[in-house]
Amino acid sequence: MWGRRPGLLQPSVPVPDGRTQRIAIGWVNTPSPDDARKQTKLILVKAQTGGDPQAKKAEARRQASITRGSVTDSYLNQAKGRLKPRSFAEVDGRSLRKHWKPLAPLPLASIRRADVAKV
């Protein structure tokens, strides 16, 4: 067989929605057997105590998908009815679209004070 194969773990304990999951613990040749056993034991303990082993990854992916740029559009739609036309033009054109443009692709949860200070 050509290519690489992932090492998979499928705990017999179902997650809250009733399914069982397959969890990749690395490539077959990469981790040593001892490291793979340790990692497998940790994952199984989390699954048996009622935790969802993949929930943390899914939450991180969800948080990363919410960027400053995506929030800007919803904010501007809300602010359009609330602000006067001139104030809205300044917020839209100058502040959010021009000055804050370098922060647009960043995930909202990862923007820190130092990032804002650089702008």
PDB file of N, CA and C in Angstrom:
ATOM      1  N   MET A   1       0.844  -1.180   0.000  1.00  0.00           N
ATOM      2  CA  MET A   1       0.000   0.000   0.000  1.00  0.00           C
ATOM      3  C   MET A   1       0.890   1.245   0.000  1.00  0.00           C
ATOM      4  N   TRP A   2       0.539   2.205  -0.833  1.00  0.00           N
ATOM      5  CA  TRP A   2       1.322   3.428  -0.961  1.00  0.00           C
ATOM      6  C   TRP A   2       0.752   4.514  -0.073  1.00  0.00           C
ATOM      7  N   GLY A   3       1.619   5.474   0.272  1.00  0.00           N
ATOM      8  CA  GLY A   3       1.166   6.626   1.041  1.00  0.00           C
ATOM      9  C   GLY A   3       1.283   6.392   2.539  1.00  0.00           C
ATOM     10  N   ARG A   4       0.740   7.340   3.288  1.00  0.00           N
ATOM     11  CA  ARG A   4       0.793   7.254   4.746  1.00  0.00           C
ATOM     12  C   ARG A   4      -0.582   6.875   5.275  1.00  0.00           C
ATOM     13  N   ARG A   5      -0.596   6.203   6.402  1.00  0.00           N
ATOM     14  CA  ARG A   5      -1.847   5.808   7.022  1.00  0.00           C
ATOM     15  C   ARG A   5      -1.924   6.423   8.418  1.00  0.00           C
ATOM     16  N   PRO A   6      -3.079   6.958   8.780  1.00  0.00           N
ATOM     17  CA  PRO A   6      -3.210   7.498  10.133  1.00  0.00           C
ATOM     18  C   PRO A   6      -3.448   6.388  11.145  1.00  0.00           C
ATOM     19  N   GLY A   7      -2.922   6.581  12.337  1.00  0.00           N
ATOM     20  CA  GLY A   7      -3.228   5.676  13.439  1.00  0.00           C
ATOM     21  C   GLY A   7      -4.548   6.122  14.030  1.00  0.00           C
ATOM     22  N   LEU A   8      -5.535   5.261  14.070  1.00  0.00           N
ATOM     23  CA  LEU A   8      -6.868   5.632  14.526  1.00  0.00           C
ATOM     24  C   LEU A   8      -7.215   4.946  15.833  1.00  0.00           C
ATOM     25  N   LEU A   9      -8.030   5.618  16.614  1.00  0.00           N
ATOM     26  CA  LEU A   9      -8.565   5.091  17.854  1.00  0.00           C
ATOM     27  C   LEU A   9     -10.068   5.282  17.792  1.00  0.00           C
ATOM     28  N   GLN A  10     -10.832   4.237  18.094  1.00  0.00           N
ATOM     29  CA  GLN A  10     -12.286   4.363  18.113  1.00  0.00           C
ATOM     30  C   GLN A  10     -12.779   3.873  19.471  1.00  0.00           C
ATOM     31  N   PRO A  11     -12.986   4.814  20.422  1.00  0.00           N
ATOM     32  CA  PRO A  11     -13.462   4.409  21.745  1.00  0.00           C
ATOM     33  C   PRO A  11     -14.849   3.784  21.637  1.00  0.00           C
ATOM     34  N   SER A  12     -15.117   2.800  22.472  1.00  0.00           N
ATOM     35  CA  SER A  12     -16.426   2.156  22.437  1.00  0.00           C
ATOM     36  C   SER A  12     -17.484   2.976  23.162  1.00  0.00           C
ATOM     37  N   VAL A  13     -17.062   3.986  23.888  1.00  0.00           N
ATOM     38  CA  VAL A  13     -17.991   4.855  24.607  1.00  0.00           C
ATOM     39  C   VAL A  13     -18.532   5.903  23.638  1.00  0.00           C
ATOM     40  N   PRO A  14     -19.853   5.980  23.462  1.00  0.00           N
ATOM     41  CA  PRO A  14     -20.391   6.962  22.514  1.00  0.00           C
ATOM     42  C   PRO A  14     -20.316   8.381  23.063  1.00  0.00           C
ATOM     43  N   VAL A  15     -20.255   9.338  22.152  1.00  0.00           N
ATOM     44  CA  VAL A  15     -20.309  10.748  22.532  1.00  0.00           C
ATOM     45  C   VAL A  15     -21.766  11.105  22.820  1.00  0.00           C
ATOM     46  N   PRO A  16     -22.050  12.306  23.347  1.00  0.00           N
ATOM     47  CA  PRO A  16     -23.411  12.636  23.762  1.00  0.00           C
ATOM     48  C   PRO A  16     -24.504  12.419  22.708  1.00  0.00           C
ATOM     49  N   ASP A  17     -24.188  12.532  21.428  1.00  0.00           N
ATOM     50  CA  ASP A  17     -25.247  12.335  20.433  1.00  0.00           C
ATOM     51  C   ASP A  17     -25.429  10.867  20.052  1.00  0.00           C
ATOM     52  N   GLY A  18     -24.713   9.948  20.707  1.00  0.00           N
ATOM     53  CA  GLY A  18     -24.921   8.528  20.503  1.00  0.00           C
ATOM     54  C   GLY A  18     -23.978   7.857  19.516  1.00  0.00           C
ATOM     55  N   ARG A  19     -23.186   8.619  18.789  1.00  0.00           N
ATOM     56  CA  ARG A  19     -22.260   8.027  17.812  1.00  0.00           C
ATOM     57  C   ARG A  19     -20.943   7.685  18.498  1.00  0.00           C
ATOM     58  N   THR A  20     -20.175   6.810  17.856  1.00  0.00           N
ATOM     59  CA  THR A  20     -18.794   6.623  18.273  1.00  0.00           C
ATOM     60  C   THR A  20     -17.925   7.361  17.266  1.00  0.00           C
ATOM     61  N   GLN A  21     -16.793   7.811  17.725  1.00  0.00           N
ATOM     62  CA  GLN A  21     -15.913   8.616  16.878  1.00  0.00           C
ATOM     63  C   GLN A  21     -14.627   7.873  16.600  1.00  0.00           C
ATOM     64  N   ARG A  22     -14.028   8.210  15.473  1.00  0.00           N
ATOM     65  CA  ARG A  22     -12.665   7.767  15.184  1.00  0.00           C
ATOM     66  C   ARG A  22     -11.763   8.965  15.398  1.00  0.00           C
ATOM     67  N   ILE A  23     -10.723   8.756  16.158  1.00  0.00           N
ATOM     68  CA  ILE A  23      -9.822   9.849  16.504  1.00  0.00           C
ATOM     69  C   ILE A  23      -8.433   9.516  15.966  1.00  0.00           C
ATOM     70  N   ALA A  24      -7.891  10.413  15.169  1.00  0.00           N
ATOM     71  CA  ALA A  24      -6.542  10.220  14.631  1.00  0.00           C
ATOM     72  C   ALA A  24      -5.530  10.579  15.713  1.00  0.00           C
ATOM     73  N   ILE A  25      -4.592   9.674  15.956  1.00  0.00           N
ATOM     74  CA  ILE A  25      -3.563   9.935  16.977  1.00  0.00           C
ATOM     75  C   ILE A  25      -2.194  10.103  16.339  1.00  0.00           C
ATOM     76  N   GLY A  26      -2.150  10.351  15.046  1.00  0.00           N
ATOM     77  CA  GLY A  26      -0.893  10.564  14.349  1.00  0.00           C
ATOM     78  C   GLY A  26      -0.731   9.558  13.232  1.00  0.00           C
ATOM     79  N   TRP A  27       0.372   9.657  12.539  1.00  0.00           N
ATOM     80  CA  TRP A  27       0.656   8.723  11.451  1.00  0.00           C
ATOM     81  C   TRP A  27       1.228   7.443  12.020  1.00  0.00           C
ATOM     82  N   VAL A  28       0.991   6.344  11.341  1.00  0.00           N
ATOM     83  CA  VAL A  28       1.374   5.022  11.845  1.00  0.00           C
ATOM     84  C   VAL A  28       2.859   4.954  12.159  1.00  0.00           C
ATOM     85  N   ASN A  29       3.711   5.472  11.323  1.00  0.00           N
ATOM     86  CA  ASN A  29       5.162   5.345  11.519  1.00  0.00           C
ATOM     87  C   ASN A  29       5.768   6.444  12.387  1.00  0.00           C
ATOM     88  N   THR A  30       5.042   7.513  12.652  1.00  0.00           N
ATOM     89  CA  THR A  30       5.618   8.667  13.327  1.00  0.00           C
ATOM     90  C   THR A  30       5.786   8.489  14.832  1.00  0.00           C
ATOM     91  N   PRO A  31       4.711   8.285  15.614  1.00  0.00           N
ATOM     92  CA  PRO A  31       4.944   8.191  17.060  1.00  0.00           C
ATOM     93  C   PRO A  31       5.510   6.822  17.428  1.00  0.00           C
ATOM     94  N   SER A  32       6.289   6.819  18.486  1.00  0.00           N
ATOM     95  CA  SER A  32       6.778   5.527  18.969  1.00  0.00           C
ATOM     96  C   SER A  32       5.597   4.787  19.592  1.00  0.00           C
ATOM     97  N   PRO A  33       5.659   3.483  19.679  1.00  0.00           N
ATOM     98  CA  PRO A  33       4.540   2.735  20.265  1.00  0.00           C
ATOM     99  C   PRO A  33       4.216   3.169  21.694  1.00  0.00           C
ATOM    100  N   ASP A  34       5.239   3.498  22.472  1.00  0.00           N
ATOM    101  CA  ASP A  34       4.985   3.941  23.844  1.00  0.00           C
ATOM    102  C   ASP A  34       4.239   5.269  23.883  1.00  0.00           C
ATOM    103  N   ASP A  35       4.649   6.212  23.025  1.00  0.00           N
ATOM    104  CA  ASP A  35       3.963   7.503  22.966  1.00  0.00           C
ATOM    105  C   ASP A  35       2.521   7.323  22.506  1.00  0.00           C
ATOM    106  N   ALA A  36       2.311   6.455  21.541  1.00  0.00           N
ATOM    107  CA  ALA A  36       0.963   6.204  21.041  1.00  0.00           C
ATOM    108  C   ALA A  36       0.087   5.583  22.127  1.00  0.00           C
ATOM    109  N   ARG A  37       0.630   4.676  22.919  1.00  0.00           N
ATOM    110  CA  ARG A  37      -0.128   4.056  24.009  1.00  0.00           C
ATOM    111  C   ARG A  37      -0.517   5.091  25.060  1.00  0.00           C
ATOM    112  N   LYS A  38       0.435   5.970  25.416  1.00  0.00           N
ATOM    113  CA  LYS A  38       0.146   7.009  26.412  1.00  0.00           C
ATOM    114  C   LYS A  38      -0.961   7.934  25.918  1.00  0.00           C
ATOM    115  N   GLN A  39      -0.854   8.361  24.669  1.00  0.00           N
ATOM    116  CA  GLN A  39      -1.857   9.255  24.101  1.00  0.00           C
ATOM    117  C   GLN A  39      -3.215   8.561  24.024  1.00  0.00           C
ATOM    118  N   THR A  40      -3.210   7.282  23.674  1.00  0.00           N
ATOM    119  CA  THR A  40      -4.447   6.519  23.590  1.00  0.00           C
ATOM    120  C   THR A  40      -5.107   6.394  24.957  1.00  0.00           C
ATOM    121  N   LYS A  41      -4.324   6.138  25.984  1.00  0.00           N
ATOM    122  CA  LYS A  41      -4.876   6.026  27.338  1.00  0.00           C
ATOM    123  C   LYS A  41      -5.527   7.337  27.774  1.00  0.00           C
ATOM    124  N   LEU A  42      -4.881   8.474  27.473  1.00  0.00           N
ATOM    125  CA  LEU A  42      -5.453   9.770  27.837  1.00  0.00           C
ATOM    126  C   LEU A  42      -6.784  10.011  27.135  1.00  0.00           C
ATOM    127  N   ILE A  43      -6.835   9.671  25.865  1.00  0.00           N
ATOM    128  CA  ILE A  43      -8.073   9.870  25.097  1.00  0.00           C
ATOM    129  C   ILE A  43      -9.179   8.963  25.626  1.00  0.00           C
ATOM    130  N   LEU A  44      -8.845   7.713  25.937  1.00  0.00           N
ATOM    131  CA  LEU A  44      -9.850   6.784  26.453  1.00  0.00           C
ATOM    132  C   LEU A  44     -10.386   7.216  27.811  1.00  0.00           C
ATOM    133  N   VAL A  45      -9.510   7.743  28.668  1.00  0.00           N
ATOM    134  CA  VAL A  45      -9.958   8.224  29.974  1.00  0.00           C
ATOM    135  C   VAL A  45     -10.943   9.379  29.793  1.00  0.00           C
ATOM    136  N   LYS A  46     -10.644  10.311  28.886  1.00  0.00           N
ATOM    137  CA  LYS A  46     -11.555  11.431  28.639  1.00  0.00           C
ATOM    138  C   LYS A  46     -12.894  10.930  28.124  1.00  0.00           C
ATOM    139  N   ALA A  47     -12.865   9.943  27.231  1.00  0.00           N
ATOM    140  CA  ALA A  47     -14.106   9.412  26.670  1.00  0.00           C
ATOM    141  C   ALA A  47     -14.928   8.682  27.725  1.00  0.00           C
ATOM    142  N   GLN A  48     -14.273   7.930  28.600  1.00  0.00           N
ATOM    143  CA  GLN A  48     -14.990   7.164  29.616  1.00  0.00           C
ATOM    144  C   GLN A  48     -15.553   8.031  30.720  1.00  0.00           C
ATOM    145  N   THR A  49     -14.972   9.200  30.954  1.00  0.00           N
ATOM    146  CA  THR A  49     -15.480  10.099  31.996  1.00  0.00           C
ATOM    147  C   THR A  49     -16.539  11.052  31.469  1.00  0.00           C
ATOM    148  N   GLY A  50     -16.980  10.833  30.240  1.00  0.00           N
ATOM    149  CA  GLY A  50     -18.078  11.625  29.705  1.00  0.00           C
ATOM    150  C   GLY A  50     -17.650  12.790  28.842  1.00  0.00           C
ATOM    151  N   GLY A  51     -16.375  12.983  28.663  1.00  0.00           N
ATOM    152  CA  GLY A  51     -15.905  14.078  27.824  1.00  0.00           C
ATOM    153  C   GLY A  51     -15.935  13.708  26.355  1.00  0.00           C
ATOM    154  N   ASP A  52     -16.052  14.696  25.529  1.00  0.00           N
ATOM    155  CA  ASP A  52     -16.017  14.489  24.082  1.00  0.00           C
ATOM    156  C   ASP A  52     -14.607  14.823  23.626  1.00  0.00           C
ATOM    157  N   PRO A  53     -13.819  13.825  23.214  1.00  0.00           N
ATOM    158  CA  PRO A  53     -12.422  14.080  22.862  1.00  0.00           C
ATOM    159  C   PRO A  53     -12.246  15.055  21.698  1.00  0.00           C
ATOM    160  N   GLN A  54     -13.194  15.129  20.809  1.00  0.00           N
ATOM    161  CA  GLN A  54     -13.066  15.999  19.646  1.00  0.00           C
ATOM    162  C   GLN A  54     -13.694  17.376  19.872  1.00  0.00           C
ATOM    163  N   ALA A  55     -14.368  17.587  20.993  1.00  0.00           N
ATOM    164  CA  ALA A  55     -15.079  18.845  21.224  1.00  0.00           C
ATOM    165  C   ALA A  55     -14.137  20.044  21.254  1.00  0.00           C
ATOM    166  N   LYS A  56     -12.970  19.870  21.854  1.00  0.00           N
ATOM    167  CA  LYS A  56     -12.022  20.981  21.945  1.00  0.00           C
ATOM    168  C   LYS A  56     -11.548  21.402  20.552  1.00  0.00           C
ATOM    169  N   LYS A  57     -11.280  20.413  19.680  1.00  0.00           N
ATOM    170  CA  LYS A  57     -10.870  20.721  18.309  1.00  0.00           C
ATOM    171  C   LYS A  57     -11.991  21.428  17.555  1.00  0.00           C
ATOM    172  N   ALA A  58     -13.207  20.928  17.703  1.00  0.00           N
ATOM    173  CA  ALA A  58     -14.342  21.526  16.999  1.00  0.00           C
ATOM    174  C   ALA A  58     -14.579  22.966  17.470  1.00  0.00           C
ATOM    175  N   GLU A  59     -14.446  23.200  18.759  1.00  0.00           N
ATOM    176  CA  GLU A  59     -14.625  24.553  19.302  1.00  0.00           C
ATOM    177  C   GLU A  59     -13.530  25.485  18.793  1.00  0.00           C
ATOM    178  N   ALA A  60     -12.300  24.999  18.713  1.00  0.00           N
ATOM    179  CA  ALA A  60     -11.203  25.817  18.193  1.00  0.00           C
ATOM    180  C   ALA A  60     -11.435  26.172  16.728  1.00  0.00           C
ATOM    181  N   ARG A  61     -11.924  25.206  15.940  1.00  0.00           N
ATOM    182  CA  ARG A  61     -12.232  25.490  14.532  1.00  0.00           C
ATOM    183  C   ARG A  61     -13.349  26.513  14.411  1.00  0.00           C
ATOM    184  N   ARG A  62     -14.366  26.399  15.278  1.00  0.00           N
ATOM    185  CA  ARG A  62     -15.485  27.339  15.233  1.00  0.00           C
ATOM    186  C   ARG A  62     -15.020  28.753  15.607  1.00  0.00           C
ATOM    187  N   GLN A  63     -14.180  28.840  16.636  1.00  0.00           N
ATOM    188  CA  GLN A  63     -13.661  30.141  17.057  1.00  0.00           C
ATOM    189  C   GLN A  63     -12.802  30.777  15.969  1.00  0.00           C
ATOM    190  N   ALA A  64     -12.004  29.964  15.273  1.00  0.00           N
ATOM    191  CA  ALA A  64     -11.132  30.480  14.222  1.00  0.00           C
ATOM    192  C   ALA A  64     -11.919  30.954  13.012  1.00  0.00           C
ATOM    193  N   SER A  65     -13.120  30.427  12.829  1.00  0.00           N
ATOM    194  CA  SER A  65     -13.912  30.837  11.663  1.00  0.00           C
ATOM    195  C   SER A  65     -14.564  32.203  11.854  1.00  0.00           C
ATOM    196  N   ILE A  66     -14.648  32.677  13.089  1.00  0.00           N
ATOM    197  CA  ILE A  66     -15.227  33.997  13.362  1.00  0.00           C
ATOM    198  C   ILE A  66     -14.098  35.012  13.317  1.00  0.00           C
ATOM    199  N   THR A  67     -13.995  35.735  12.203  1.00  0.00           N
ATOM    200  CA  THR A  67     -12.919  36.712  12.045  1.00  0.00           C
ATOM    201  C   THR A  67     -13.434  38.112  12.297  1.00  0.00           C
ATOM    202  N   ARG A  68     -12.501  39.042  12.459  1.00  0.00           N
ATOM    203  CA  ARG A  68     -12.883  40.436  12.662  1.00  0.00           C
ATOM    204  C   ARG A  68     -13.607  40.958  11.437  1.00  0.00           C
ATOM    205  N   GLY A  69     -13.205  40.516  10.267  1.00  0.00           N
ATOM    206  CA  GLY A  69     -13.860  40.959   9.039  1.00  0.00           C
ATOM    207  C   GLY A  69     -15.294  40.489   8.934  1.00  0.00           C
ATOM    208  N   SER A  70     -15.589  39.267   9.371  1.00  0.00           N
ATOM    209  CA  SER A  70     -16.956  38.760   9.291  1.00  0.00           C
ATOM    210  C   SER A  70     -17.873  39.445  10.296  1.00  0.00           C
ATOM    211  N   VAL A  71     -17.336  39.852  11.420  1.00  0.00           N
ATOM    212  CA  VAL A  71     -18.136  40.544  12.428  1.00  0.00           C
ATOM    213  C   VAL A  71     -18.411  41.989  12.008  1.00  0.00           C
ATOM    214  N   THR A  72     -17.509  42.574  11.236  1.00  0.00           N
ATOM    215  CA  THR A  72     -17.666  43.954  10.798  1.00  0.00           C
ATOM    216  C   THR A  72     -18.955  44.147  10.013  1.00  0.00           C
ATOM    217  N   ASP A  73     -19.245  43.241   9.092  1.00  0.00           N
ATOM    218  CA  ASP A  73     -20.454  43.388   8.272  1.00  0.00           C
ATOM    219  C   ASP A  73     -21.720  43.370   9.111  1.00  0.00           C
ATOM    220  N   SER A  74     -21.813  42.456  10.066  1.00  0.00           N
ATOM    221  CA  SER A  74     -23.010  42.424  10.906  1.00  0.00           C
ATOM    222  C   SER A  74     -23.102  43.670  11.787  1.00  0.00           C
ATOM    223  N   TYR A  75     -21.961  44.158  12.269  1.00  0.00           N
ATOM    224  CA  TYR A  75     -21.970  45.382  13.062  1.00  0.00           C
ATOM    225  C   TYR A  75     -22.447  46.571  12.227  1.00  0.00           C
ATOM    226  N   LEU A  76     -21.943  46.675  10.992  1.00  0.00           N
ATOM    227  CA  LEU A  76     -22.334  47.807  10.143  1.00  0.00           C
ATOM    228  C   LEU A  76     -23.815  47.750   9.795  1.00  0.00           C
ATOM    229  N   ASN A  77     -24.360  46.571   9.579  1.00  0.00           N
ATOM    230  CA  ASN A  77     -25.795  46.461   9.317  1.00  0.00           C
ATOM    231  C   ASN A  77     -26.607  46.931  10.506  1.00  0.00           C
ATOM    232  N   GLN A  78     -26.145  46.641  11.705  1.00  0.00           N
ATOM    233  CA  GLN A  78     -26.823  47.088  12.920  1.00  0.00           C
ATOM    234  C   GLN A  78     -26.650  48.594  13.121  1.00  0.00           C
ATOM    235  N   ALA A  79     -25.470  49.098  12.858  1.00  0.00           N
ATOM    236  CA  ALA A  79     -25.163  50.500  13.126  1.00  0.00           C
ATOM    237  C   ALA A  79     -25.811  51.440  12.112  1.00  0.00           C
ATOM    238  N   LYS A  80     -26.138  50.941  10.935  1.00  0.00           N
ATOM    239  CA  LYS A  80     -26.686  51.801   9.886  1.00  0.00           C
ATOM    240  C   LYS A  80     -27.985  52.468  10.336  1.00  0.00           C
ATOM    241  N   GLY A  81     -28.835  51.758  11.018  1.00  0.00           N
ATOM    242  CA  GLY A  81     -30.084  52.341  11.495  1.00  0.00           C
ATOM    243  C   GLY A  81     -29.920  53.190  12.733  1.00  0.00           C
ATOM    244  N   ARG A  82     -28.851  52.990  13.461  1.00  0.00           N
ATOM    245  CA  ARG A  82     -28.638  53.672  14.724  1.00  0.00           C
ATOM    246  C   ARG A  82     -27.866  54.974  14.575  1.00  0.00           C
ATOM    247  N   LEU A  83     -26.924  55.030  13.626  1.00  0.00           N
ATOM    248  CA  LEU A  83     -26.069  56.202  13.475  1.00  0.00           C
ATOM    249  C   LEU A  83     -26.610  57.167  12.426  1.00  0.00           C
ATOM    250  N   LYS A  84     -26.226  58.420  12.571  1.00  0.00           N
ATOM    251  CA  LYS A  84     -26.549  59.409  11.545  1.00  0.00           C
ATOM    252  C   LYS A  84     -25.709  59.114  10.304  1.00  0.00           C
ATOM    253  N   PRO A  85     -26.147  59.561   9.127  1.00  0.00           N
ATOM    254  CA  PRO A  85     -25.434  59.218   7.893  1.00  0.00           C
ATOM    255  C   PRO A  85     -23.948  59.596   7.895  1.00  0.00           C
ATOM    256  N   ARG A  86     -23.629  60.772   8.394  1.00  0.00           N
ATOM    257  CA  ARG A  86     -22.225  61.180   8.390  1.00  0.00           C
ATOM    258  C   ARG A  86     -21.390  60.331   9.352  1.00  0.00           C
ATOM    259  N   SER A  87     -21.935  60.062  10.524  1.00  0.00           N
ATOM    260  CA  SER A  87     -21.222  59.218  11.488  1.00  0.00           C
ATOM    261  C   SER A  87     -21.026  57.818  10.929  1.00  0.00           C
ATOM    262  N   PHE A  88     -22.048  57.297  10.266  1.00  0.00           N
ATOM    263  CA  PHE A  88     -21.938  55.962   9.685  1.00  0.00           C
ATOM    264  C   PHE A  88     -20.872  55.931   8.590  1.00  0.00           C
ATOM    265  N   ALA A  89     -20.806  56.985   7.777  1.00  0.00           N
ATOM    266  CA  ALA A  89     -19.802  57.040   6.712  1.00  0.00           C
ATOM    267  C   ALA A  89     -18.392  57.045   7.290  1.00  0.00           C
ATOM    268  N   GLU A  90     -18.188  57.757   8.409  1.00  0.00           N
ATOM    269  CA  GLU A  90     -16.872  57.797   9.036  1.00  0.00           C
ATOM    270  C   GLU A  90     -16.507  56.440   9.637  1.00  0.00           C
ATOM    271  N   VAL A  91     -17.461  55.812  10.305  1.00  0.00           N
ATOM    272  CA  VAL A  91     -17.201  54.504  10.907  1.00  0.00           C
ATOM    273  C   VAL A  91     -16.932  53.481   9.818  1.00  0.00           C
ATOM    274  N   ASP A  92     -17.766  53.488   8.783  1.00  0.00           N
ATOM    275  CA  ASP A  92     -17.657  52.489   7.730  1.00  0.00           C
ATOM    276  C   ASP A  92     -16.411  52.707   6.876  1.00  0.00           C
ATOM    277  N   GLY A  93     -16.283  53.878   6.319  1.00  0.00           N
ATOM    278  CA  GLY A  93     -15.207  54.120   5.365  1.00  0.00           C
ATOM    279  C   GLY A  93     -13.838  54.255   5.979  1.00  0.00           C
ATOM    280  N   ARG A  94     -13.737  55.049   7.014  1.00  0.00           N
ATOM    281  CA  ARG A  94     -12.416  55.360   7.541  1.00  0.00           C
ATOM    282  C   ARG A  94     -11.979  54.387   8.629  1.00  0.00           C
ATOM    283  N   SER A  95     -12.796  54.212   9.611  1.00  0.00           N
ATOM    284  CA  SER A  95     -12.353  53.439  10.774  1.00  0.00           C
ATOM    285  C   SER A  95     -12.259  51.942  10.503  1.00  0.00           C
ATOM    286  N   LEU A  96     -13.382  51.343  10.169  1.00  0.00           N
ATOM    287  CA  LEU A  96     -13.390  49.880  10.078  1.00  0.00           C
ATOM    288  C   LEU A  96     -12.791  49.353   8.790  1.00  0.00           C
ATOM    289  N   ARG A  97     -13.031  49.999   7.686  1.00  0.00           N
ATOM    290  CA  ARG A  97     -12.562  49.459   6.404  1.00  0.00           C
ATOM    291  C   ARG A  97     -11.095  49.806   6.125  1.00  0.00           C
ATOM    292  N   LYS A  98     -10.644  50.972   6.566  1.00  0.00           N
ATOM    293  CA  LYS A  98      -9.290  51.405   6.233  1.00  0.00           C
ATOM    294  C   LYS A  98      -8.293  51.123   7.364  1.00  0.00           C
ATOM    295  N   HIS A  99      -8.536  51.715   8.529  1.00  0.00           N
ATOM    296  CA  HIS A  99      -7.563  51.625   9.611  1.00  0.00           C
ATOM    297  C   HIS A  99      -7.480  50.221  10.228  1.00  0.00           C
ATOM    298  N   TRP A 100      -8.601  49.541  10.310  1.00  0.00           N
ATOM    299  CA  TRP A 100      -8.643  48.228  10.946  1.00  0.00           C
ATOM    300  C   TRP A 100      -8.487  47.090   9.944  1.00  0.00           C
ATOM    301  N   LYS A 101      -8.172  47.387   8.696  1.00  0.00           N
ATOM    302  CA  LYS A 101      -8.056  46.373   7.658  1.00  0.00           C
ATOM    303  C   LYS A 101      -7.015  45.289   7.978  1.00  0.00           C
ATOM    304  N   PRO A 102      -5.854  45.607   8.569  1.00  0.00           N
ATOM    305  CA  PRO A 102      -4.881  44.538   8.858  1.00  0.00           C
ATOM    306  C   PRO A 102      -5.403  43.469   9.821  1.00  0.00           C
ATOM    307  N   LEU A 103      -6.413  43.807  10.632  1.00  0.00           N
ATOM    308  CA  LEU A 103      -6.948  42.836  11.582  1.00  0.00           C
ATOM    309  C   LEU A 103      -8.092  42.005  10.997  1.00  0.00           C
ATOM    310  N   ALA A 104      -8.559  42.328   9.802  1.00  0.00           N
ATOM    311  CA  ALA A 104      -9.728  41.657   9.227  1.00  0.00           C
ATOM    312  C   ALA A 104      -9.591  40.139   9.102  1.00  0.00           C
ATOM    313  N   PRO A 105      -8.454  39.585   8.654  1.00  0.00           N
ATOM    314  CA  PRO A 105      -8.392  38.127   8.511  1.00  0.00           C
ATOM    315  C   PRO A 105      -8.135  37.375   9.824  1.00  0.00           C
ATOM    316  N   LEU A 106      -7.846  38.080  10.896  1.00  0.00           N
ATOM    317  CA  LEU A 106      -7.513  37.412  12.162  1.00  0.00           C
ATOM    318  C   LEU A 106      -8.763  36.888  12.855  1.00  0.00           C
ATOM    319  N   PRO A 107      -8.666  35.707  13.486  1.00  0.00           N
ATOM    320  CA  PRO A 107      -9.787  35.223  14.290  1.00  0.00           C
ATOM    321  C   PRO A 107     -10.049  36.190  15.440  1.00  0.00           C
ATOM    322  N   LEU A 108     -11.295  36.437  15.708  1.00  0.00           N
ATOM    323  CA  LEU A 108     -11.682  37.421  16.716  1.00  0.00           C
ATOM    324  C   LEU A 108     -11.118  37.069  18.094  1.00  0.00           C
ATOM    325  N   ALA A 109     -11.093  35.791  18.430  1.00  0.00           N
ATOM    326  CA  ALA A 109     -10.619  35.367  19.747  1.00  0.00           C
ATOM    327  C   ALA A 109      -9.110  35.534  19.913  1.00  0.00           C
ATOM    328  N   SER A 110      -8.373  35.656  18.804  1.00  0.00           N
ATOM    329  CA  SER A 110      -6.917  35.752  18.917  1.00  0.00           C
ATOM    330  C   SER A 110      -6.399  37.189  18.878  1.00  0.00           C
ATOM    331  N   ILE A 111      -7.257  38.173  18.673  1.00  0.00           N
ATOM    332  CA  ILE A 111      -6.815  39.570  18.625  1.00  0.00           C
ATOM    333  C   ILE A 111      -6.517  40.036  20.045  1.00  0.00           C
ATOM    334  N   ARG A 112      -5.310  40.520  20.249  1.00  0.00           N
ATOM    335  CA  ARG A 112      -4.865  40.968  21.568  1.00  0.00           C
ATOM    336  C   ARG A 112      -4.597  42.470  21.541  1.00  0.00           C
ATOM    337  N   ARG A 113      -4.367  43.017  22.697  1.00  0.00           N
ATOM    338  CA  ARG A 113      -4.103  44.447  22.831  1.00  0.00           C
ATOM    339  C   ARG A 113      -2.899  44.872  22.003  1.00  0.00           C
ATOM    340  N   ALA A 114      -1.874  44.032  21.959  1.00  0.00           N
ATOM    341  CA  ALA A 114      -0.678  44.362  21.178  1.00  0.00           C
ATOM    342  C   ALA A 114      -0.986  44.447  19.686  1.00  0.00           C
ATOM    343  N   ASP A 115      -1.901  43.588  19.193  1.00  0.00           N
ATOM    344  CA  ASP A 115      -2.300  43.658  17.776  1.00  0.00           C
ATOM    345  C   ASP A 115      -2.994  44.983  17.484  1.00  0.00           C
ATOM    346  N   VAL A 116      -3.852  45.410  18.392  1.00  0.00           N
ATOM    347  CA  VAL A 116      -4.578  46.670  18.218  1.00  0.00           C
ATOM    348  C   VAL A 116      -3.604  47.843  18.286  1.00  0.00           C
ATOM    349  N   ALA A 117      -2.605  47.772  19.162  1.00  0.00           N
ATOM    350  CA  ALA A 117      -1.639  48.850  19.303  1.00  0.00           C
ATOM    351  C   ALA A 117      -0.803  49.019  18.036  1.00  0.00           C
ATOM    352  N   LYS A 118      -0.562  47.936  17.311  1.00  0.00           N
ATOM    353  CA  LYS A 118       0.209  48.016  16.074  1.00  0.00           C
ATOM    354  C   LYS A 118      -0.552  48.768  14.985  1.00  0.00           C
ATOM    355  N   VAL A 119      -1.869  48.708  15.038  1.00  0.00           N
ATOM    356  CA  VAL A 119      -2.682  49.381  14.030  1.00  0.00           C
ATOM    357  C   VAL A 119      -2.644  50.847  14.308  1.00  0.00           C
TER     358      VAL A 119
END
